[in-house]
Protein backbone atom coordinates (compact mmCIF):
# COMPACT_ATOMS: atom_id res chain seq x y z
CA MET A 1 -11.40 34.73 0.37
CA ASN A 2 -10.11 31.14 0.30
CA ASP A 3 -6.91 30.40 2.21
CA TYR A 4 -5.09 28.12 -0.22
CA ILE A 5 -1.94 26.44 1.03
CA LEU A 6 -1.39 24.85 -2.40
CA GLU A 7 -2.43 25.83 -5.91
CA MET A 8 -1.52 23.96 -9.08
CA LYS A 9 -2.66 25.88 -12.16
CA ASN A 10 -2.95 24.75 -15.80
CA ILE A 11 -0.52 21.82 -15.49
CA TYR A 12 0.48 20.06 -18.71
CA LYS A 13 2.69 16.98 -19.01
CA SER A 14 3.48 14.59 -21.85
CA PHE A 15 5.80 11.63 -22.34
CA PHE A 16 7.40 11.12 -25.77
CA GLY A 17 4.77 13.37 -27.32
CA VAL A 18 1.84 11.60 -25.67
CA PRO A 19 -0.12 14.00 -23.39
CA VAL A 20 -0.93 12.52 -19.96
CA LEU A 21 -2.03 15.72 -18.17
CA LYS A 22 -3.99 18.38 -20.00
CA ASP A 23 -4.71 21.71 -18.28
CA ILE A 24 -5.07 20.32 -14.73
CA SER A 25 -5.74 22.70 -11.84
CA LEU A 26 -5.90 21.73 -8.16
CA SER A 27 -6.24 23.90 -5.05
CA VAL A 28 -5.94 22.76 -1.44
CA GLU A 29 -7.07 24.91 1.46
CA ARG A 30 -5.24 25.13 4.75
CA GLY A 31 -6.55 22.46 7.12
CA GLU A 32 -8.35 20.59 4.32
CA VAL A 33 -8.36 16.95 3.23
CA HIS A 34 -8.63 17.19 -0.54
CA VAL A 35 -9.45 13.93 -2.28
CA LEU A 36 -7.86 13.28 -5.67
CA LEU A 37 -9.97 10.71 -7.50
CA GLY A 38 -9.79 8.91 -10.82
CA GLU A 39 -9.42 5.52 -12.43
CA ASN A 40 -6.03 3.92 -13.01
CA GLY A 41 -4.30 5.93 -15.70
CA ALA A 42 -6.30 9.09 -15.02
CA GLY A 43 -3.12 11.03 -14.18
CA LYS A 44 -3.25 11.18 -10.39
CA SER A 45 0.25 9.77 -9.80
CA THR A 46 1.77 11.93 -12.54
CA LEU A 47 0.26 15.07 -11.02
CA ILE A 48 1.59 14.15 -7.57
CA LYS A 49 5.05 13.39 -8.95
CA ILE A 50 5.10 16.84 -10.53
CA LEU A 51 4.18 18.35 -7.17
CA SER A 52 6.94 16.42 -5.40
CA GLY A 53 9.57 17.12 -8.04
CA ALA A 54 9.91 13.53 -9.31
CA TYR A 55 8.67 14.78 -12.70
CA VAL A 56 9.08 18.23 -14.25
CA LYS A 57 5.92 19.76 -15.73
CA ASP A 58 5.86 20.91 -19.34
CA SER A 59 3.93 24.06 -18.40
CA GLY A 60 1.78 25.49 -15.63
CA SER A 61 2.41 26.95 -12.17
CA VAL A 62 2.61 25.73 -8.57
CA TYR A 63 2.00 28.07 -5.63
CA ILE A 64 2.73 27.29 -1.97
CA ASN A 65 1.17 29.75 0.50
CA GLY A 66 0.49 32.09 -2.39
CA GLU A 67 4.12 32.19 -3.54
CA LEU A 68 5.32 30.74 -6.84
CA ALA A 69 7.27 27.52 -6.18
CA ASP A 70 9.88 26.35 -8.66
CA ILE A 71 9.97 22.58 -8.10
CA GLU A 72 12.46 20.92 -10.41
CA ASN A 73 13.53 17.92 -8.31
CA PRO A 74 12.55 16.03 -5.13
CA SER A 75 14.87 18.17 -3.00
CA ASP A 76 12.94 21.27 -4.11
CA GLY A 77 9.70 19.56 -3.14
CA ILE A 78 10.97 18.78 0.37
CA ASP A 79 12.31 22.32 0.77
CA HIS A 80 8.85 23.68 -0.09
CA GLY A 81 7.23 21.45 2.55
CA ILE A 82 5.84 18.74 0.24
CA SER A 83 5.78 15.22 1.70
CA VAL A 84 4.48 12.30 -0.35
CA ILE A 85 3.70 8.75 0.71
CA TYR A 86 3.67 6.86 -2.55
CA GLN A 87 1.70 3.66 -3.10
CA GLU A 88 5.01 1.88 -3.75
CA PHE A 89 7.23 1.77 -0.69
CA ASN A 90 10.25 4.09 -0.62
CA LEU A 91 12.22 2.48 2.19
CA VAL A 92 15.72 1.00 2.52
CA PRO A 93 15.05 -2.65 3.44
CA HIS A 94 18.31 -3.35 5.29
CA LEU A 95 18.21 -0.24 7.46
CA SER A 96 16.22 -0.01 10.68
CA ILE A 97 12.91 1.77 11.21
CA MET A 98 14.72 4.57 13.03
CA GLU A 99 17.30 4.96 10.26
CA ASN A 100 14.59 5.11 7.58
CA ILE A 101 12.48 7.68 9.44
CA LEU A 102 15.50 9.95 9.98
CA LEU A 103 17.24 9.26 6.67
CA GLY A 104 18.84 12.50 5.48
CA LYS A 105 17.98 14.33 8.70
CA GLU A 106 20.01 12.43 11.28
CA ILE A 107 20.63 14.06 14.65
CA ARG A 108 24.33 14.67 15.21
CA LYS A 109 26.49 15.16 18.27
CA GLY A 110 29.65 16.69 16.91
CA VAL A 111 30.85 14.53 14.03
CA PHE A 112 28.91 11.49 15.25
CA ILE A 113 25.27 10.52 14.84
CA ASP A 114 23.36 10.74 18.13
CA LYS A 115 21.53 7.42 18.00
CA GLN A 116 19.94 7.86 21.41
CA ALA A 117 18.32 11.15 20.43
CA GLY A 118 17.40 9.72 17.03
CA ARG A 119 15.78 6.70 18.65
CA LYS A 120 13.74 8.95 20.93
CA LEU A 121 12.55 11.07 18.00
CA ALA A 122 11.71 8.01 15.88
CA LEU A 123 9.68 6.54 18.75
CA LYS A 124 7.75 9.80 19.02
CA HIS A 125 6.67 9.60 15.37
CA MET A 126 5.95 5.88 15.65
CA GLU A 127 3.74 6.39 18.69
CA ARG A 128 1.68 8.98 16.79
CA ILE A 129 0.48 6.27 14.41
CA GLY A 130 0.40 3.40 16.89
CA LEU A 131 3.36 1.49 15.44
CA ASN A 132 4.40 -0.61 18.42
CA VAL A 133 7.61 -2.14 17.07
CA ASN A 134 11.25 -1.89 18.18
CA PRO A 135 12.69 1.06 16.18
CA ASP A 136 15.88 -0.95 15.65
CA THR A 137 13.94 -3.56 13.63
CA LEU A 138 15.05 -3.86 10.01
CA ILE A 139 12.50 -2.90 7.35
CA CYS A 140 12.96 -6.27 5.61
CA ASP A 141 11.70 -8.00 8.77
CA LEU A 142 8.40 -6.06 8.80
CA SER A 143 5.07 -7.00 7.28
CA VAL A 144 3.65 -5.02 4.36
CA ALA A 145 1.27 -3.18 6.71
CA GLN A 146 4.07 -2.26 9.09
CA ARG A 147 6.20 -0.95 6.22
CA GLN A 148 3.29 1.25 5.14
CA MET A 149 3.08 2.67 8.65
CA VAL A 150 6.82 3.41 8.65
CA GLU A 151 6.26 5.40 5.46
CA ILE A 152 3.61 7.45 7.25
CA ALA A 153 5.88 8.06 10.24
CA LYS A 154 8.72 9.05 7.89
CA ALA A 155 6.51 11.60 6.12
CA LEU A 156 5.24 13.03 9.40
CA SER A 157 8.82 13.53 10.58
CA ASN A 158 9.24 16.31 7.99
CA ASP A 159 8.14 19.87 8.66
CA SER A 160 5.46 19.57 6.00
CA LYS A 161 2.96 22.10 4.68
CA VAL A 162 1.31 19.66 2.26
CA LEU A 163 1.03 15.92 2.88
CA VAL A 164 0.07 13.58 0.05
CA LEU A 165 -1.27 10.13 0.93
CA ASP A 166 -1.42 7.76 -2.06
CA GLU A 167 -3.56 4.72 -1.13
CA PRO A 168 -2.33 4.82 2.50
CA THR A 169 -4.82 2.26 3.80
CA ALA A 170 -4.30 -0.36 1.09
CA ALA A 171 -2.33 -2.66 3.41
CA ILE A 172 -3.46 -1.73 6.91
CA THR A 173 -6.32 -2.95 9.10
CA SER A 174 -9.52 -1.11 9.93
CA THR A 175 -8.17 -0.33 13.41
CA GLU A 176 -4.99 1.12 11.90
CA THR A 177 -7.10 3.04 9.39
CA GLU A 178 -9.06 4.68 12.20
CA ALA A 179 -5.78 5.57 13.90
CA LEU A 180 -4.56 7.11 10.64
CA PHE A 181 -7.76 9.13 10.32
CA GLU A 182 -7.24 10.48 13.84
CA ILE A 183 -3.73 11.56 12.84
CA ILE A 184 -5.13 13.23 9.71
CA ARG A 185 -7.71 15.10 11.78
CA GLU A 186 -4.97 16.34 14.13
CA LEU A 187 -2.87 17.46 11.16
CA LYS A 188 -5.89 19.34 9.81
CA LYS A 189 -6.11 21.21 13.12
CA GLU A 190 -2.45 22.17 12.70
CA GLY A 191 -3.28 23.76 9.33
CA LEU A 192 -1.69 21.22 6.98
CA GLY A 193 -3.13 20.69 3.54
CA ILE A 194 -3.67 17.01 2.82
CA ILE A 195 -4.18 15.36 -0.57
CA TYR A 196 -5.78 11.94 -0.14
CA ILE A 197 -5.82 9.37 -2.94
CA SER A 198 -7.86 6.19 -2.56
CA HIS A 199 -10.21 3.96 -4.54
CA ARG A 200 -12.17 3.12 -1.38
CA LEU A 201 -15.08 5.51 -1.76
CA GLU A 202 -16.41 4.89 1.75
CA GLU A 203 -13.14 6.28 3.15
CA LEU A 204 -13.39 9.42 1.05
CA PHE A 205 -16.77 10.40 2.47
CA GLU A 206 -15.50 9.82 5.99
CA ILE A 207 -12.28 11.80 5.80
CA GLY A 208 -12.53 14.07 2.73
CA ASP A 209 -13.67 17.71 2.58
CA ARG A 210 -13.52 18.34 -1.17
CA CYS A 211 -12.76 16.12 -4.15
CA THR A 212 -11.12 16.78 -7.52
CA VAL A 213 -11.85 14.18 -10.21
CA LEU A 214 -9.53 13.39 -13.13
CA ARG A 215 -10.37 11.28 -16.15
CA ASP A 216 -7.95 10.38 -18.98
CA GLY A 217 -5.56 13.13 -17.91
CA GLU A 218 -8.24 15.83 -17.92
CA PHE A 219 -9.92 17.83 -15.17
CA VAL A 220 -13.54 16.77 -14.64
CA GLY A 221 -14.52 18.89 -11.65
CA THR A 222 -14.11 19.72 -7.97
CA VAL A 223 -16.98 18.99 -5.60
CA THR A 224 -17.72 19.20 -1.88
CA MET A 225 -17.92 15.73 -0.34
CA ALA A 226 -20.87 16.65 1.89
CA GLU A 227 -22.91 17.69 -1.15
CA ILE A 228 -22.21 14.76 -3.50
CA THR A 229 -23.40 11.15 -3.70
CA ARG A 230 -21.38 8.04 -4.39
CA ASP A 231 -23.22 7.41 -7.67
CA ILE A 232 -22.50 10.90 -9.02
CA LEU A 233 -18.86 10.66 -7.95
CA THR A 234 -18.51 7.30 -9.72
CA LYS A 235 -20.11 8.71 -12.87
CA MET A 236 -17.67 11.65 -12.83
CA MET A 237 -14.78 9.22 -12.49
CA VAL A 238 -15.68 6.76 -15.27
CA GLY A 239 -17.85 8.94 -17.50
CA ARG A 240 -20.96 6.77 -17.33
CA SER A 241 -23.43 5.32 -14.86
CA ILE A 242 -22.44 2.00 -13.29
CA SER A 243 -24.78 -0.59 -11.87
CA LEU A 244 -23.56 -2.27 -8.70
CA ALA A 245 -26.24 -4.95 -8.86
CA ARG A 246 -24.89 -8.43 -8.30
CA CYS A 247 -24.81 -10.51 -11.49
CA GLN A 248 -25.47 -14.22 -11.64
CA ASN A 249 -22.31 -16.30 -12.04
CA ARG A 250 -23.16 -18.60 -14.96
CA ASN A 251 -19.74 -20.30 -14.82
CA TYR A 252 -20.17 -21.62 -11.30
CA ALA A 253 -20.35 -25.41 -11.07
CA CYS A 254 -21.46 -26.40 -7.58
CA ASP A 255 -20.66 -30.07 -8.13
CA GLU A 256 -17.08 -29.71 -9.46
CA VAL A 257 -14.33 -29.13 -6.87
CA VAL A 258 -11.07 -27.90 -8.43
CA ILE A 259 -9.07 -27.35 -5.21
CA GLU A 260 -9.63 -28.82 -1.78
CA VAL A 261 -7.58 -27.86 1.25
CA LYS A 262 -7.79 -30.23 4.20
CA ASN A 263 -6.67 -29.49 7.78
CA VAL A 264 -3.64 -27.37 6.80
CA SER A 265 -1.55 -26.08 9.72
CA TYR A 266 1.67 -24.06 9.63
CA LYS A 267 3.56 -23.13 12.79
CA ASN A 268 1.26 -21.04 14.98
CA LEU A 269 0.03 -18.94 12.04
CA VAL A 270 -2.35 -21.33 10.26
CA LYS A 271 -4.38 -23.78 12.34
CA ASP A 272 -6.38 -26.64 10.83
CA VAL A 273 -7.79 -24.74 7.82
CA SER A 274 -10.07 -26.55 5.35
CA PHE A 275 -12.10 -25.33 2.36
CA GLN A 276 -13.20 -26.21 -1.16
CA LEU A 277 -12.97 -24.11 -4.32
CA LYS A 278 -15.38 -25.03 -7.11
CA ARG A 279 -15.10 -24.40 -10.83
CA GLY A 280 -15.98 -20.84 -11.83
CA GLU A 281 -16.10 -19.68 -8.20
CA VAL A 282 -14.42 -16.68 -6.61
CA LEU A 283 -13.61 -17.58 -3.02
CA GLY A 284 -12.65 -14.72 -0.70
CA VAL A 285 -10.20 -15.25 2.17
CA SER A 286 -10.65 -12.49 4.71
CA GLY A 287 -8.94 -11.55 7.95
CA LEU A 288 -6.89 -8.88 9.69
CA VAL A 289 -3.18 -8.41 9.12
CA GLY A 290 -1.39 -11.27 10.89
CA SER A 291 -4.38 -13.61 10.73
CA GLY A 292 -2.55 -16.07 8.45
CA ARG A 293 -4.04 -15.28 5.03
CA THR A 294 -0.70 -14.91 3.24
CA GLU A 295 0.81 -17.90 5.05
CA LEU A 296 -2.14 -20.07 4.02
CA ALA A 297 -1.76 -19.02 0.37
CA LYS A 298 1.97 -19.79 0.45
CA CYS A 299 1.30 -23.19 1.99
CA ILE A 300 -1.06 -24.00 -0.89
CA LEU A 301 1.49 -22.76 -3.43
CA GLY A 302 4.37 -24.69 -1.87
CA ALA A 303 6.46 -21.71 -0.76
CA TYR A 304 5.91 -22.88 2.83
CA LYS A 305 5.73 -26.52 3.85
CA PRO A 306 2.76 -27.08 6.19
CA ASP A 307 3.24 -29.00 9.42
CA LYS A 308 0.24 -31.10 8.45
CA GLY A 309 -2.64 -31.17 5.99
CA GLU A 310 -3.35 -31.96 2.37
CA VAL A 311 -3.94 -30.02 -0.84
CA ILE A 312 -5.95 -31.75 -3.57
CA ILE A 313 -6.07 -30.28 -7.09
CA GLN A 314 -8.51 -31.75 -9.64
CA GLY A 315 -8.81 -34.85 -7.46
CA ASN A 316 -5.05 -35.41 -7.14
CA SER A 317 -3.13 -34.88 -3.91
CA VAL A 318 -0.07 -32.68 -4.57
CA LYS A 319 3.32 -32.69 -2.88
CA LEU A 320 3.43 -30.01 -0.18
CA GLY A 321 6.30 -27.56 -0.02
CA SER A 322 7.14 -27.68 -3.75
CA ILE A 323 6.52 -24.62 -5.91
CA PRO A 324 7.36 -26.41 -9.22
CA VAL A 325 4.80 -29.12 -8.44
CA ALA A 326 2.17 -26.49 -7.62
CA ILE A 327 2.86 -24.59 -10.85
CA SER A 328 2.73 -27.77 -12.94
CA SER A 329 -0.63 -28.53 -11.27
CA GLY A 330 -2.00 -25.21 -12.56
CA LEU A 331 -1.64 -22.96 -9.51
CA VAL A 332 -0.69 -19.30 -9.92
CA TYR A 333 0.18 -16.93 -7.04
CA LEU A 334 0.15 -13.14 -7.29
CA SER A 335 1.94 -11.74 -4.24
CA GLU A 336 0.77 -8.63 -2.38
CA ASP A 337 4.45 -7.59 -2.39
CA ARG A 338 5.09 -7.74 -6.12
CA LYS A 339 8.35 -5.78 -5.96
CA ASP A 340 10.12 -8.19 -3.60
CA GLU A 341 8.32 -11.46 -4.31
CA GLY A 342 6.62 -11.16 -7.68
CA LEU A 343 9.22 -9.71 -10.02
CA ILE A 344 12.97 -9.66 -10.62
CA GLN A 345 13.29 -5.97 -11.32
CA ILE A 346 16.78 -6.06 -12.87
CA HIS A 347 15.44 -8.43 -15.54
CA ASN A 348 13.23 -7.37 -18.43
CA PHE A 349 9.61 -8.22 -19.18
CA VAL A 350 10.41 -11.28 -21.31
CA ASP A 351 12.72 -12.81 -18.69
CA ASN A 352 10.13 -12.38 -15.95
CA VAL A 353 7.35 -13.94 -18.03
CA LEU A 354 9.54 -16.90 -18.97
CA LEU A 355 10.75 -17.69 -15.45
CA PRO A 356 8.11 -20.36 -14.65
CA ASN A 357 8.05 -21.63 -18.25
CA TYR A 358 11.62 -22.63 -19.06
CA ASN A 359 10.65 -26.31 -19.01
CA CYS A 360 8.58 -25.63 -22.13
CA PHE A 361 11.81 -25.20 -24.13
CA ASP A 362 13.72 -28.32 -25.10
CA ASN A 363 16.91 -26.69 -26.34
CA PHE A 364 19.87 -26.06 -24.04
CA PHE A 365 20.12 -22.53 -25.39
CA LEU A 366 17.01 -20.37 -25.12
CA ASP A 367 15.89 -18.82 -28.40
CA LYS A 368 14.63 -15.42 -27.28
């Protein structure tokens, strides 16, 4: 008999009459890493939000340790031992690491918060994932990878029965990924059920035990990772066979340089970097977290002013440290941190799209 710590049976969910989950069932055994796989829009996030209480299901049942769980809101989810690390960060940027980890479960001494005991407990959770940062550091002063690790520490600080990891390695290094996998293996030994969501198939075969595949809001199947191949898993996910053979780039022009970066340096983060980008080419910039990839990109864009160097676009040297000049030269930058750097979330879609294009309108008043 299977020892299920979590069972979700016949889950349905729709938004404004449009069905997004249709008769989905998922079971997680005690001490199992259960992979939840599917393309974007398959329904993975919606299913997890129902489990956590962020969304309310239209119909279906959820069982924790064999008992029916009525999860109507996030507080119910926490009370039932559900911890979720969402792909989007859920941290308070102007509070410290310690305050975020212990938010809502602060240690008190009488009517006061015992910061010394809280600091000790926060350090304990941080050490489990190898986050070697002062716990008094503000979240807004951390890198994207460090914020992701705080999310993991925050989730582990709960007395969880089921832990959901939604793309947990998207912003961390291979060394940090291995450390995370060690933590997951320890949690398995403790009997936790773990739902692991990732598009990196190589990770799934390393850490996963079983896998449930969703496609277009429907259940495709549940398989054992040790008995399945990558090709079959991909076919289940997209509904057809996919060739991974490299195609010839017919748009590549080896004799036409569109951007040239010469000897760019910025503080101690970027040191004498040079490269050429040719028309139709996709140029990858690789490196570990902290290696200077983001700083280099921002130097090219003009968000940072390099200490030295030159950026040449279509044969013309551009003014360094000027975002408007870079945009007018045809450069576009998509930030890894789209919430803080890419969008103004209190403004609507139209306002965000128009932000770099106001100079296209001659009138003083903007005709929306």
